[in-house]
Amino acid sequence: MDFVETKPVIANISEQKLQPVEIEILPGVYDIIRSIEKDPIDNTAKQKESAECSQKVLELQRTLEAARNTIRKLHGIEYSKEEQLRRLDSLRKQLALKQQLIKKYKNVQF
């Protein structure tokens, strides 16, 4: 069997503990669309709505940037899909082998 050394990978995983981030994009998009749909008659109300809409767009941009930064920090994101699948397959093989060894040594009496 060919094995891939996993110590560095496991060390990296334990070192990189990411906190879950909830990012809600749709409510921001909905608010922006609602702001655009409003069409006040007087100019002062239009300017106020325009300023509020611009603020909502900036908030949405910040939310999207936070999502991008979180995605960039994920472990393994630098690998292609094929490489990730190959590594996953290798780790599954190693897991199966280790489980077999555990079963074997549970039955051995010292």
Protein backbone atom coordinates (compact mmCIF):
# COMPACT_ATOMS: atom_id res chain seq x y z
CA MET A 1 0.00 0.00 0.00
CA ASP A 2 1.21 3.50 -0.67
CA PHE A 3 0.77 5.90 2.20
CA VAL A 4 1.01 9.64 2.46
CA GLU A 5 2.62 11.07 5.57
CA THR A 6 -0.13 12.76 7.57
CA LYS A 7 1.66 14.19 10.57
CA PRO A 8 2.08 17.67 9.08
CA VAL A 9 -1.53 17.68 7.91
CA ILE A 10 -2.84 16.66 11.30
CA ALA A 11 -0.62 19.23 13.01
CA ASN A 12 -1.94 21.94 10.71
CA ILE A 13 -5.53 20.99 11.40
CA SER A 14 -5.09 21.13 15.16
CA GLU A 15 -3.31 24.48 14.93
CA GLN A 16 -5.91 26.08 12.68
CA LYS A 17 -9.08 26.18 14.72
CA LEU A 18 -11.51 28.43 12.88
CA GLN A 19 -14.51 29.77 14.65
CA PRO A 20 -17.75 29.19 12.77
CA VAL A 21 -18.94 32.33 11.05
CA GLU A 22 -22.54 32.88 10.10
CA ILE A 23 -22.82 35.05 7.07
CA GLU A 24 -26.23 36.09 5.88
CA ILE A 25 -26.18 37.67 2.46
CA LEU A 26 -29.79 37.39 1.32
CA PRO A 27 -31.27 39.75 3.95
CA GLY A 28 -28.80 42.43 2.85
CA VAL A 29 -29.66 41.94 -0.80
CA TYR A 30 -33.35 42.05 0.08
CA ASP A 31 -32.92 45.34 1.99
CA ILE A 32 -31.05 46.88 -0.95
CA ILE A 33 -33.76 45.83 -3.41
CA ARG A 34 -36.48 47.21 -1.14
CA SER A 35 -34.58 50.49 -0.84
CA ILE A 36 -34.32 50.74 -4.61
CA GLU A 37 -38.00 49.94 -5.10
CA LYS A 38 -39.04 52.85 -2.87
CA ASP A 39 -39.56 55.91 -4.98
CA PRO A 40 -40.23 58.97 -2.82
CA ILE A 41 -41.69 62.01 -4.50
CA ASP A 42 -39.62 64.83 -2.99
CA ASN A 43 -35.89 65.24 -3.54
CA THR A 44 -34.86 65.27 0.14
CA ALA A 45 -36.50 61.90 0.72
CA LYS A 46 -34.84 60.56 -2.45
CA GLN A 47 -31.44 61.72 -1.23
CA LYS A 48 -32.05 60.15 2.17
CA GLU A 49 -33.12 56.83 0.59
CA SER A 50 -30.12 56.96 -1.75
CA ALA A 51 -27.75 57.47 1.19
CA GLU A 52 -29.37 54.60 3.12
CA CYS A 53 -29.14 52.36 0.08
CA SER A 54 -25.46 53.22 -0.37
CA GLN A 55 -24.85 52.36 3.28
CA LYS A 56 -26.57 48.99 2.84
CA VAL A 57 -24.46 48.26 -0.23
CA LEU A 58 -21.29 49.02 1.76
CA GLU A 59 -22.46 46.70 4.56
CA LEU A 60 -23.10 43.94 2.02
CA GLN A 61 -19.61 44.47 0.56
CA ARG A 62 -18.09 44.12 4.04
CA THR A 63 -20.07 40.94 4.64
CA LEU A 64 -18.89 39.46 1.34
CA GLU A 65 -15.29 40.38 2.10
CA ALA A 66 -15.56 38.69 5.51
CA ALA A 67 -16.87 35.57 3.76
CA ARG A 68 -13.96 35.64 1.29
CA ASN A 69 -11.43 35.99 4.12
CA THR A 70 -12.99 33.07 6.00
CA ILE A 71 -12.88 30.89 2.89
CA ARG A 72 -9.22 31.77 2.28
CA LYS A 73 -8.35 30.56 5.80
CA LEU A 74 -9.87 27.10 5.31
CA HIS A 75 -7.42 24.23 5.41
CA GLY A 76 -6.84 22.57 2.05
CA ILE A 77 -8.38 25.33 -0.04
CA GLU A 78 -5.09 25.73 -1.91
CA TYR A 79 -5.43 22.23 -3.40
CA SER A 80 -7.38 21.37 -6.52
CA LYS A 81 -10.51 19.25 -6.29
CA GLU A 82 -8.64 16.23 -7.62
CA GLU A 83 -5.85 16.66 -5.06
CA GLN A 84 -8.38 17.02 -2.24
CA LEU A 85 -10.15 13.84 -3.36
CA ARG A 86 -6.83 11.99 -3.61
CA ARG A 87 -5.87 13.08 -0.10
CA LEU A 88 -9.30 12.12 1.22
CA ASP A 89 -9.00 8.67 -0.33
CA SER A 90 -5.54 8.25 1.18
CA LEU A 91 -6.79 9.28 4.62
CA ARG A 92 -9.71 6.87 4.36
CA LYS A 93 -7.31 4.02 3.52
CA GLN A 94 -5.15 4.95 6.50
CA LEU A 95 -8.20 5.05 8.75
CA ALA A 96 -9.32 1.60 7.59
CA LEU A 97 -5.82 0.21 8.21
CA LYS A 98 -5.66 1.74 11.68
CA GLN A 99 -9.09 0.37 12.53
CA GLN A 100 -7.94 -3.09 11.44
CA LEU A 101 -4.84 -2.78 13.62
CA ILE A 102 -6.92 -1.70 16.60
CA LYS A 103 -9.20 -4.73 16.17
CA LYS A 104 -6.17 -6.98 15.80
CA TYR A 105 -4.45 -5.69 18.93
CA LYS A 106 -7.66 -5.76 21.00
CA ASN A 107 -7.78 -9.51 20.51
CA VAL A 108 -4.10 -10.06 21.32
CA GLN A 109 -3.41 -10.94 24.96
CA PHE A 110 -0.12 -9.85 26.45
